[in-house]
């Protein structure tokens, strides 16, 4: 009798564990593809800089727009130091200056392999071209989805993917990507002593936003 009772308990716990695993798999966060913010949406960020990034805190507001790069339409989003051009996969193709002239371009376009989910990681080789000097340099870039959960910034509390990155130039980054907005909610950029212009830190937070309809 004890043996039969023990077997029943074992089966009950096994079925319960299987059910919990099934629920966990079904509800696991998964960002299937990058969805850019609607054109005309505006975002205001704060940026705090030290070291090779500069000094002081500033605000920056930008509007999601479109640009053409090598005959293809790109999503243009403001980033520190210029305007980033992103293809339909959400990968960054280039950085433009205030005059829309290219500052940097990437080959292949740099970004994440979707879908994104916790634990996913990748390392790939790229080439970046500095257009002012026409110099092209190879580098490796590694990223990992560390976690998924709430991130609280002045603009509100959002569900976000925490993603860490590093490259062979000596740059490291930890950020919280908000799928519903298509932008970072919060990000820390760090340059180590091996970075060509020296060590530095930049902290970015989303202060406010307006999504176009």
Protein backbone atom coordinates (compact mmCIF):
# COMPACT_ATOMS: atom_id res chain seq x y z
CA UNK A 1 0.00 0.00 0.00
CA UNK A 2 2.78 2.39 0.90
CA UNK A 3 4.45 1.66 -2.42
CA UNK A 4 1.26 2.40 -4.38
CA UNK A 5 0.69 5.57 -2.35
CA UNK A 6 4.27 6.70 -2.95
CA UNK A 7 3.93 6.06 -6.68
CA UNK A 8 0.74 8.12 -6.82
CA UNK A 9 2.45 11.00 -5.03
CA UNK A 10 5.44 10.77 -7.36
CA UNK A 11 3.20 10.84 -10.43
CA UNK A 12 1.23 13.76 -9.03
CA UNK A 13 4.38 15.80 -8.41
CA UNK A 14 5.78 14.85 -11.81
CA UNK A 15 2.60 16.00 -13.57
CA UNK A 16 2.56 19.21 -11.54
CA UNK A 17 6.19 19.94 -12.47
CA UNK A 18 5.46 19.26 -16.14
CA UNK A 19 2.46 21.58 -16.02
CA UNK A 20 4.50 24.36 -14.45
CA UNK A 21 7.23 23.93 -17.06
CA UNK A 22 4.65 24.10 -19.82
CA UNK A 23 3.18 27.31 -18.42
CA UNK A 24 6.65 28.80 -18.10
CA UNK A 25 7.48 28.03 -21.71
CA UNK A 26 4.18 29.45 -22.92
CA UNK A 27 4.62 32.75 -21.05
CA UNK A 28 8.36 33.22 -21.55
CA UNK A 29 8.99 36.72 -23.00
CA UNK A 30 10.01 36.71 -26.62
CA UNK A 31 10.56 39.74 -28.85
CA UNK A 32 9.83 38.29 -32.30
CA UNK A 33 11.02 41.21 -34.42
CA UNK A 34 12.04 44.81 -34.08
CA UNK A 35 9.15 47.24 -34.46
CA UNK A 36 10.31 50.87 -34.86
CA UNK A 37 8.31 53.68 -33.28
CA UNK A 38 5.71 55.27 -35.58
CA UNK A 39 7.10 58.05 -37.76
CA UNK A 40 6.63 61.39 -36.05
CA UNK A 41 6.95 59.98 -32.51
CA UNK A 42 9.14 62.09 -30.22
CA UNK A 43 11.43 61.05 -27.37
CA UNK A 44 13.31 63.15 -24.84
CA UNK A 45 16.36 61.68 -23.10
CA UNK A 46 18.79 62.86 -20.45
CA UNK A 47 22.48 62.17 -20.97
CA UNK A 48 25.13 62.37 -18.25
CA UNK A 49 28.71 62.26 -19.53
CA UNK A 50 32.14 61.82 -17.95
CA UNK A 51 35.65 61.10 -19.25
CA UNK A 52 36.03 60.65 -22.99
CA UNK A 53 32.28 61.16 -23.50
CA UNK A 54 32.60 64.75 -22.28
CA UNK A 55 31.19 66.28 -19.11
CA UNK A 56 27.88 67.44 -17.72
CA UNK A 57 24.23 66.49 -18.16
CA UNK A 58 22.08 67.46 -21.12
CA UNK A 59 18.67 66.79 -22.64
CA UNK A 60 18.06 65.71 -26.22
CA UNK A 61 14.75 65.42 -28.07
CA UNK A 62 14.40 63.68 -31.40
CA UNK A 63 11.68 62.57 -33.77
CA UNK A 64 11.39 59.21 -35.52
CA UNK A 65 11.76 59.87 -39.24
CA UNK A 66 12.90 58.31 -42.51
CA UNK A 67 16.11 58.66 -44.49
CA UNK A 68 17.48 57.05 -47.63
CA UNK A 69 20.78 55.18 -47.52
CA UNK A 70 22.24 53.76 -50.72
CA UNK A 71 18.82 53.84 -52.33
CA UNK A 72 17.01 52.09 -49.45
CA UNK A 73 14.58 53.60 -46.97
CA UNK A 74 15.76 53.53 -43.35
CA UNK A 75 14.29 54.47 -40.00
CA UNK A 76 16.15 57.45 -38.58
CA UNK A 77 16.41 57.66 -34.79
CA UNK A 78 18.37 60.12 -32.72
CA UNK A 79 21.37 58.67 -30.90
CA UNK A 80 24.21 60.32 -28.96
CA UNK A 81 26.44 62.04 -31.48
CA UNK A 82 24.11 62.03 -34.46
CA UNK A 83 21.25 60.21 -36.16
CA UNK A 84 21.25 56.42 -36.42
CA UNK A 85 19.92 54.74 -39.54
CA UNK A 86 18.26 51.36 -38.98
CA UNK A 87 17.04 48.83 -41.53
CA UNK A 88 13.82 46.81 -41.34
CA UNK A 89 15.54 44.23 -39.09
CA UNK A 90 16.41 46.90 -36.53
CA UNK A 91 20.13 46.72 -37.35
CA UNK A 92 22.14 49.93 -37.49
CA UNK A 93 23.52 50.76 -40.91
CA UNK A 94 25.11 54.16 -40.33
CA UNK A 95 25.38 57.27 -38.15
CA UNK A 96 24.73 60.66 -39.76
CA UNK A 97 25.81 64.06 -38.50
CA UNK A 98 23.57 67.14 -38.12
CA UNK A 99 24.11 67.90 -41.83
CA UNK A 100 23.00 64.36 -42.79
CA UNK A 101 26.52 63.50 -43.90
CA UNK A 102 27.74 60.02 -42.84
CA UNK A 103 29.99 59.82 -39.80
CA UNK A 104 30.15 56.03 -39.44
CA UNK A 105 28.81 53.06 -41.39
CA UNK A 106 28.78 49.35 -40.54
CA UNK A 107 29.34 46.29 -42.69
CA UNK A 108 27.28 44.23 -42.16
CA UNK A 109 24.65 46.33 -40.35
CA UNK A 110 25.12 45.86 -36.62
CA UNK A 111 22.36 44.65 -34.32
CA UNK A 112 20.60 41.74 -32.67
CA UNK A 113 19.36 38.48 -34.15
CA UNK A 114 15.63 38.25 -33.56
CA UNK A 115 13.67 36.87 -31.85
CA UNK A 116 15.14 38.09 -28.58
CA UNK A 117 14.72 35.99 -25.45
CA UNK A 118 16.48 35.73 -22.12
CA UNK A 119 19.79 33.88 -22.38
CA UNK A 120 20.30 34.44 -26.09
CA UNK A 121 23.82 35.54 -27.00
CA UNK A 122 25.93 36.12 -30.09
CA UNK A 123 29.38 37.24 -31.21
CA UNK A 124 29.99 38.48 -34.76
CA UNK A 125 32.66 40.27 -36.73
CA UNK A 126 32.03 43.68 -38.34
CA UNK A 127 33.82 46.47 -40.14
CA UNK A 128 33.22 50.12 -39.27
CA UNK A 129 34.14 52.92 -41.66
CA UNK A 130 35.00 56.38 -40.35
CA UNK A 131 33.96 58.58 -43.26
CA UNK A 132 35.98 61.66 -42.27
CA UNK A 133 39.24 59.72 -42.65
CA UNK A 134 37.94 56.96 -44.96
CA UNK A 135 39.44 54.47 -42.52
CA UNK A 136 37.84 51.04 -42.13
CA UNK A 137 38.50 48.95 -39.03
CA UNK A 138 37.44 45.40 -38.12
CA UNK A 139 36.00 44.57 -34.71
CA UNK A 140 34.01 41.89 -32.91
CA UNK A 141 30.77 42.64 -31.09
CA UNK A 142 29.17 40.42 -28.44
CA UNK A 143 25.71 40.76 -26.93
CA UNK A 144 23.56 38.84 -24.48
CA UNK A 145 19.96 39.14 -23.31
CA UNK A 146 20.45 39.13 -19.54
CA UNK A 147 16.90 39.45 -18.24
CA UNK A 148 13.34 40.62 -18.82
CA UNK A 149 11.30 42.69 -16.41
CA UNK A 150 10.33 46.16 -15.26
CA UNK A 151 12.49 49.21 -15.83
CA UNK A 152 11.49 52.48 -14.18
CA UNK A 153 12.60 55.80 -15.68
CA UNK A 154 11.16 59.33 -15.51
CA UNK A 155 8.90 58.49 -18.48
CA UNK A 156 7.26 55.62 -16.56
CA UNK A 157 7.61 51.91 -15.82
CA UNK A 158 7.88 49.51 -18.75
CA UNK A 159 8.55 45.87 -19.53
CA UNK A 160 12.01 45.67 -21.07
CA UNK A 161 14.82 43.35 -22.13
CA UNK A 162 18.11 43.95 -20.33
CA UNK A 163 20.89 43.52 -22.90
CA UNK A 164 24.64 43.73 -22.33
CA UNK A 165 27.18 44.26 -25.11
CA UNK A 166 30.94 44.58 -25.51
CA UNK A 167 33.33 45.01 -28.42
CA UNK A 168 37.01 44.65 -29.12
CA UNK A 169 37.50 48.45 -29.17
CA UNK A 170 36.94 48.49 -25.41
CA UNK A 171 33.31 49.60 -25.27
CA UNK A 172 30.74 48.02 -22.95
CA UNK A 173 27.05 48.71 -22.65
CA UNK A 174 24.09 47.66 -20.52
CA UNK A 175 20.67 48.78 -21.63
CA UNK A 176 16.95 48.14 -21.22
CA UNK A 177 15.15 47.90 -24.58
CA UNK A 178 11.40 48.61 -24.43
CA UNK A 179 9.64 46.61 -27.18
CA UNK A 180 6.40 48.62 -27.01
CA UNK A 181 8.29 51.85 -27.77
CA UNK A 182 11.11 50.52 -29.96
CA UNK A 183 13.74 52.51 -28.02
CA UNK A 184 16.02 52.20 -25.02
CA UNK A 185 14.47 53.22 -21.72
CA UNK A 186 17.77 53.33 -19.90
CA UNK A 187 21.37 52.64 -20.89
CA UNK A 188 24.87 52.79 -19.46
CA UNK A 189 27.75 53.16 -21.94
CA UNK A 190 31.27 52.54 -20.72
CA UNK A 191 34.63 52.95 -22.44
CA UNK A 192 37.53 51.14 -20.88
CA UNK A 193 41.10 52.44 -20.78
CA UNK A 194 41.89 50.55 -24.02
CA UNK A 195 39.38 52.63 -26.01
CA UNK A 196 41.26 54.92 -28.46
CA UNK A 197 40.04 58.17 -26.84
CA UNK A 198 40.30 56.84 -23.27
CA UNK A 199 37.92 55.78 -20.54
CA UNK A 200 34.51 57.36 -20.03
CA UNK A 201 30.92 56.83 -18.94
CA UNK A 202 27.53 57.89 -20.31
CA UNK A 203 24.18 57.35 -18.59
CA UNK A 204 20.99 57.72 -20.64
CA UNK A 205 17.36 57.77 -19.43
CA UNK A 206 14.03 58.30 -21.19
CA UNK A 207 12.38 61.41 -19.72
CA UNK A 208 9.21 61.61 -21.82
CA UNK A 209 7.75 60.52 -25.14
CA UNK A 210 4.81 60.94 -27.51
CA UNK A 211 3.85 58.17 -29.93
CA UNK A 212 2.41 59.33 -33.23
CA UNK A 213 -0.88 57.77 -34.34
